[in-house]
Amino acid sequence: MNATPDRRSFIRAIGAVTAAGALAGCSGGESSDDSPATGSDSDVPEAVSSYLSDTDNFDGSLTDETDSDSVAVDVGVDANGGAFGFGPAAVKISTGTTVTWEWTGEGSQHNVVAEEGASFESEQTTEEGFTFEETFEETGVVTYYCTPHEGIGMKGALVVE
């Protein structure tokens, strides 16, 4: 009969250790790693988060380039199962900033096409080093995509302040 109480004591002890470990994980260590991401997430407009939700190189944050007169975005970075991404996927800029998209030469033909509200479209090309520029004078969210690869998530966004 001593085996039954010992087994119960053992199970209770394991349960207590498991519960203590779970509580420690909720209240300690990892929260400091998550804090910057949470702060960044609060700066990301819902329009950007939802538009880029199927873009696997969007990490939920914006690359802040508000102090730059010009910003480069690579076309054909590793994302969405190949070289089918814009890098970075989401950028915060100031009005008057010129964005230059530069082709990596990877992932077949790409282009840059504005969603509704903005009006720009590059040609489709595979040429490494090819560039396309646009200057943004109005505040708001600008979303864009690559026509051949939009369906697999090759999309990007700008937040113009």
C-alpha atoms as a PDB file:
ATOM      1  CA  MET A   1       0.000   0.000   0.000  1.00  0.00           C
ATOM      2  CA  ASN A   2       2.944   2.351   0.417  1.00  0.00           C
ATOM      3  CA  ALA A   3       3.414   2.419  -3.400  1.00  0.00           C
ATOM      4  CA  THR A   4       0.079   4.240  -3.941  1.00  0.00           C
ATOM      5  CA  PRO A   5       0.794   7.187  -1.592  1.00  0.00           C
ATOM      6  CA  ASP A   6       4.331   7.470  -2.987  1.00  0.00           C
ATOM      7  CA  ARG A   7       2.978   7.510  -6.549  1.00  0.00           C
ATOM      8  CA  ARG A   8       0.431  10.205  -5.614  1.00  0.00           C
ATOM      9  CA  SER A   9       3.136  12.277  -3.917  1.00  0.00           C
ATOM     10  CA  PHE A  10       5.332  11.934  -6.985  1.00  0.00           C
ATOM     11  CA  ILE A  11       2.523  13.036  -9.333  1.00  0.00           C
ATOM     12  CA  ARG A  12       1.699  16.007  -7.088  1.00  0.00           C
ATOM     13  CA  ALA A  13       5.370  17.043  -7.014  1.00  0.00           C
ATOM     14  CA  ILE A  14       5.652  16.808 -10.810  1.00  0.00           C
ATOM     15  CA  GLY A  15       2.463  18.857 -11.184  1.00  0.00           C
ATOM     16  CA  ALA A  16       3.801  21.543  -8.839  1.00  0.00           C
ATOM     17  CA  VAL A  17       7.127  21.728 -10.683  1.00  0.00           C
ATOM     18  CA  THR A  18       5.340  21.945 -14.063  1.00  0.00           C
ATOM     19  CA  ALA A  19       3.014  24.705 -12.816  1.00  0.00           C
ATOM     20  CA  ALA A  20       5.913  26.673 -11.319  1.00  0.00           C
ATOM     21  CA  GLY A  21       7.850  26.417 -14.585  1.00  0.00           C
ATOM     22  CA  ALA A  22       4.870  27.608 -16.602  1.00  0.00           C
ATOM     23  CA  LEU A  23       4.316  30.576 -14.294  1.00  0.00           C
ATOM     24  CA  ALA A  24       8.010  31.518 -14.422  1.00  0.00           C
ATOM     25  CA  GLY A  25       7.882  31.528 -18.218  1.00  0.00           C
ATOM     26  CA  CYS A  26       4.883  33.859 -18.183  1.00  0.00           C
ATOM     27  CA  SER A  27       6.341  36.338 -15.733  1.00  0.00           C
ATOM     28  CA  GLY A  28      10.018  36.513 -16.575  1.00  0.00           C
ATOM     29  CA  GLY A  29      12.761  36.176 -19.153  1.00  0.00           C
ATOM     30  CA  GLU A  30      10.986  36.243 -22.492  1.00  0.00           C
ATOM     31  CA  SER A  31       8.974  39.402 -21.916  1.00  0.00           C
ATOM     32  CA  SER A  32      12.051  41.592 -22.312  1.00  0.00           C
ATOM     33  CA  ASP A  33      12.728  40.017 -25.729  1.00  0.00           C
ATOM     34  CA  ASP A  34       9.138  40.635 -26.777  1.00  0.00           C
ATOM     35  CA  SER A  35       8.990  44.269 -25.589  1.00  0.00           C
ATOM     36  CA  PRO A  36      10.625  45.906 -28.632  1.00  0.00           C
ATOM     37  CA  ALA A  37       8.462  43.905 -31.020  1.00  0.00           C
ATOM     38  CA  THR A  38       5.323  44.859 -29.104  1.00  0.00           C
ATOM     39  CA  GLY A  39       6.359  48.515 -29.179  1.00  0.00           C
ATOM     40  CA  SER A  40       7.018  48.248 -32.929  1.00  0.00           C
ATOM     41  CA  ASP A  41       3.700  46.512 -33.520  1.00  0.00           C
ATOM     42  CA  SER A  42       1.847  49.450 -31.993  1.00  0.00           C
ATOM     43  CA  ASP A  43       3.403  51.728 -34.646  1.00  0.00           C
ATOM     44  CA  VAL A  44       2.252  49.507 -37.524  1.00  0.00           C
ATOM     45  CA  PRO A  45      -1.094  50.596 -38.960  1.00  0.00           C
ATOM     46  CA  GLU A  46      -3.708  47.860 -39.255  1.00  0.00           C
ATOM     47  CA  ALA A  47      -3.814  48.493 -43.023  1.00  0.00           C
ATOM     48  CA  VAL A  48      -0.153  47.442 -43.241  1.00  0.00           C
ATOM     49  CA  SER A  49      -0.449  44.435 -40.913  1.00  0.00           C
ATOM     50  CA  SER A  50      -3.457  43.031 -42.728  1.00  0.00           C
ATOM     51  CA  TYR A  51      -2.049  43.738 -46.216  1.00  0.00           C
ATOM     52  CA  LEU A  52       1.240  41.994 -45.400  1.00  0.00           C
ATOM     53  CA  SER A  53      -0.275  39.153 -43.358  1.00  0.00           C
ATOM     54  CA  ASP A  54       0.603  36.573 -46.046  1.00  0.00           C
ATOM     55  CA  THR A  55       4.095  37.968 -46.687  1.00  0.00           C
ATOM     56  CA  ASP A  56       6.511  35.732 -44.826  1.00  0.00           C
ATOM     57  CA  ASN A  57       9.358  38.250 -44.540  1.00  0.00           C
ATOM     58  CA  PHE A  58       7.119  40.797 -42.754  1.00  0.00           C
ATOM     59  CA  ASP A  59       7.983  40.460 -39.073  1.00  0.00           C
ATOM     60  CA  GLY A  60       5.259  42.781 -37.788  1.00  0.00           C
ATOM     61  CA  SER A  61       7.452  45.868 -37.580  1.00  0.00           C
ATOM     62  CA  LEU A  62       8.395  48.879 -39.675  1.00  0.00           C
ATOM     63  CA  THR A  63      11.932  49.782 -40.689  1.00  0.00           C
ATOM     64  CA  ASP A  64      12.201  53.407 -39.570  1.00  0.00           C
ATOM     65  CA  GLU A  65      13.801  55.570 -42.260  1.00  0.00           C
ATOM     66  CA  THR A  66      12.077  58.844 -41.338  1.00  0.00           C
ATOM     67  CA  ASP A  67      15.412  60.701 -41.141  1.00  0.00           C
ATOM     68  CA  SER A  68      16.471  59.662 -44.656  1.00  0.00           C
ATOM     69  CA  ASP A  69      16.008  61.650 -47.866  1.00  0.00           C
ATOM     70  CA  SER A  70      16.239  58.451 -49.883  1.00  0.00           C
ATOM     71  CA  VAL A  71      15.536  54.818 -49.088  1.00  0.00           C
ATOM     72  CA  ALA A  72      16.437  51.644 -50.977  1.00  0.00           C
ATOM     73  CA  VAL A  73      14.146  48.616 -51.139  1.00  0.00           C
ATOM     74  CA  ASP A  74      15.505  45.424 -52.685  1.00  0.00           C
ATOM     75  CA  VAL A  75      13.323  43.573 -55.191  1.00  0.00           C
ATOM     76  CA  GLY A  76      13.735  39.793 -55.226  1.00  0.00           C
ATOM     77  CA  VAL A  77      14.890  39.060 -51.667  1.00  0.00           C
ATOM     78  CA  ASP A  78      14.509  35.660 -50.038  1.00  0.00           C
ATOM     79  CA  ALA A  79      10.854  35.318 -49.016  1.00  0.00           C
ATOM     80  CA  ASN A  80       7.690  33.400 -49.845  1.00  0.00           C
ATOM     81  CA  GLY A  81       9.483  30.229 -50.935  1.00  0.00           C
ATOM     82  CA  GLY A  82      12.237  31.808 -53.068  1.00  0.00           C
ATOM     83  CA  ALA A  83      13.475  35.227 -54.155  1.00  0.00           C
ATOM     84  CA  PHE A  84       9.921  36.608 -54.030  1.00  0.00           C
ATOM     85  CA  GLY A  85      10.034  39.448 -51.526  1.00  0.00           C
ATOM     86  CA  PHE A  86      10.713  43.133 -51.052  1.00  0.00           C
ATOM     87  CA  GLY A  87      13.367  43.985 -48.500  1.00  0.00           C
ATOM     88  CA  PRO A  88      12.434  45.460 -46.164  1.00  0.00           C
ATOM     89  CA  ALA A  89       8.761  44.600 -46.504  1.00  0.00           C
ATOM     90  CA  ALA A  90       7.500  47.623 -44.527  1.00  0.00           C
ATOM     91  CA  VAL A  91       9.209  50.998 -44.194  1.00  0.00           C
ATOM     92  CA  LYS A  92       8.281  54.226 -42.384  1.00  0.00           C
ATOM     93  CA  ILE A  93       9.417  57.362 -44.258  1.00  0.00           C
ATOM     94  CA  SER A  94       8.896  61.117 -44.139  1.00  0.00           C
ATOM     95  CA  THR A  95       7.171  63.164 -46.815  1.00  0.00           C
ATOM     96  CA  GLY A  96       9.565  64.136 -49.590  1.00  0.00           C
ATOM     97  CA  THR A  97      11.500  60.860 -49.345  1.00  0.00           C
ATOM     98  CA  THR A  98      12.499  59.137 -52.572  1.00  0.00           C
ATOM     99  CA  VAL A  99      12.199  55.353 -52.519  1.00  0.00           C
ATOM    100  CA  THR A 100      14.393  53.452 -54.971  1.00  0.00           C
ATOM    101  CA  TRP A 101      13.545  49.839 -55.640  1.00  0.00           C
ATOM    102  CA  GLU A 102      16.598  47.906 -56.835  1.00  0.00           C
ATOM    103  CA  TRP A 103      16.383  44.483 -58.482  1.00  0.00           C
ATOM    104  CA  THR A 104      18.614  41.723 -57.137  1.00  0.00           C
ATOM    105  CA  GLY A 105      18.360  39.703 -60.346  1.00  0.00           C
ATOM    106  CA  GLU A 106      16.917  36.775 -58.376  1.00  0.00           C
ATOM    107  CA  GLY A 107      13.503  35.108 -58.578  1.00  0.00           C
ATOM    108  CA  SER A 108      12.547  35.702 -62.233  1.00  0.00           C
ATOM    109  CA  GLN A 109      10.706  38.785 -63.525  1.00  0.00           C
ATOM    110  CA  HIS A 110       9.508  41.317 -60.977  1.00  0.00           C
ATOM    111  CA  ASN A 111       7.851  44.713 -61.006  1.00  0.00           C
ATOM    112  CA  VAL A 112       6.526  47.229 -58.483  1.00  0.00           C
ATOM    113  CA  VAL A 113       2.868  48.249 -58.784  1.00  0.00           C
ATOM    114  CA  ALA A 114       0.977  50.566 -56.425  1.00  0.00           C
ATOM    115  CA  GLU A 115      -2.309  49.478 -54.949  1.00  0.00           C
ATOM    116  CA  GLU A 116      -5.184  51.966 -55.148  1.00  0.00           C
ATOM    117  CA  GLY A 117      -4.527  55.498 -53.943  1.00  0.00           C
ATOM    118  CA  ALA A 118      -0.997  55.810 -55.336  1.00  0.00           C
ATOM    119  CA  SER A 119      -0.146  55.698 -58.975  1.00  0.00           C
ATOM    120  CA  PHE A 120       3.106  54.084 -60.019  1.00  0.00           C
ATOM    121  CA  GLU A 121       4.185  51.001 -61.917  1.00  0.00           C
ATOM    122  CA  SER A 122       7.606  49.834 -63.013  1.00  0.00           C
ATOM    123  CA  GLU A 123       8.354  47.602 -65.932  1.00  0.00           C
ATOM    124  CA  GLN A 124       8.825  43.874 -65.374  1.00  0.00           C
ATOM    125  CA  THR A 125      12.438  42.819 -65.534  1.00  0.00           C
ATOM    126  CA  THR A 126      14.998  40.307 -64.290  1.00  0.00           C
ATOM    127  CA  GLU A 127      17.928  42.702 -64.728  1.00  0.00           C
ATOM    128  CA  GLU A 128      20.166  42.841 -61.672  1.00  0.00           C
ATOM    129  CA  GLY A 129      20.761  46.462 -60.655  1.00  0.00           C
ATOM    130  CA  PHE A 130      17.674  47.797 -62.450  1.00  0.00           C
ATOM    131  CA  THR A 131      16.102  50.610 -60.406  1.00  0.00           C
ATOM    132  CA  PHE A 132      12.752  52.344 -60.178  1.00  0.00           C
ATOM    133  CA  GLU A 133      12.168  55.520 -58.126  1.00  0.00           C
ATOM    134  CA  GLU A 134       9.186  57.293 -56.652  1.00  0.00           C
ATOM    135  CA  THR A 135       9.062  60.328 -54.334  1.00  0.00           C
ATOM    136  CA  PHE A 136       6.265  60.455 -51.748  1.00  0.00           C
ATOM    137  CA  GLU A 137       4.856  63.888 -50.922  1.00  0.00           C
ATOM    138  CA  GLU A 138       1.602  62.942 -49.159  1.00  0.00           C
ATOM    139  CA  THR A 139       1.158  61.255 -45.786  1.00  0.00           C
ATOM    140  CA  GLY A 140      -0.587  57.913 -45.528  1.00  0.00           C
ATOM    141  CA  VAL A 141      -0.107  54.227 -46.192  1.00  0.00           C
ATOM    142  CA  VAL A 142       1.135  53.144 -49.614  1.00  0.00           C
ATOM    143  CA  THR A 143       0.891  49.454 -50.457  1.00  0.00           C
ATOM    144  CA  TYR A 144       2.415  47.812 -53.499  1.00  0.00           C
ATOM    145  CA  TYR A 145       3.051  44.390 -55.019  1.00  0.00           C
ATOM    146  CA  CYS A 146       4.807  42.461 -57.775  1.00  0.00           C
ATOM    147  CA  THR A 147       2.261  41.492 -60.439  1.00  0.00           C
ATOM    148  CA  PRO A 148       3.625  37.999 -61.241  1.00  0.00           C
ATOM    149  CA  HIS A 149       4.116  37.092 -57.560  1.00  0.00           C
ATOM    150  CA  GLU A 150       1.369  38.919 -55.673  1.00  0.00           C
ATOM    151  CA  GLY A 151      -0.499  35.641 -55.145  1.00  0.00           C
ATOM    152  CA  ILE A 152       2.397  34.143 -53.177  1.00  0.00           C
ATOM    153  CA  GLY A 153       2.828  37.220 -50.987  1.00  0.00           C
ATOM    154  CA  MET A 154       5.340  39.468 -52.783  1.00  0.00           C
ATOM    155  CA  LYS A 155       4.008  42.698 -51.326  1.00  0.00           C
ATOM    156  CA  GLY A 156       5.362  45.748 -49.539  1.00  0.00           C
ATOM    157  CA  ALA A 157       4.191  48.827 -47.692  1.00  0.00           C
ATOM    158  CA  LEU A 158       5.304  52.353 -46.917  1.00  0.00           C
ATOM    159  CA  VAL A 159       4.010  54.482 -44.069  1.00  0.00           C
ATOM    160  CA  VAL A 160       4.562  58.109 -45.068  1.00  0.00           C
ATOM    161  CA  GLU A 161       4.560  60.591 -42.151  1.00  0.00           C
END
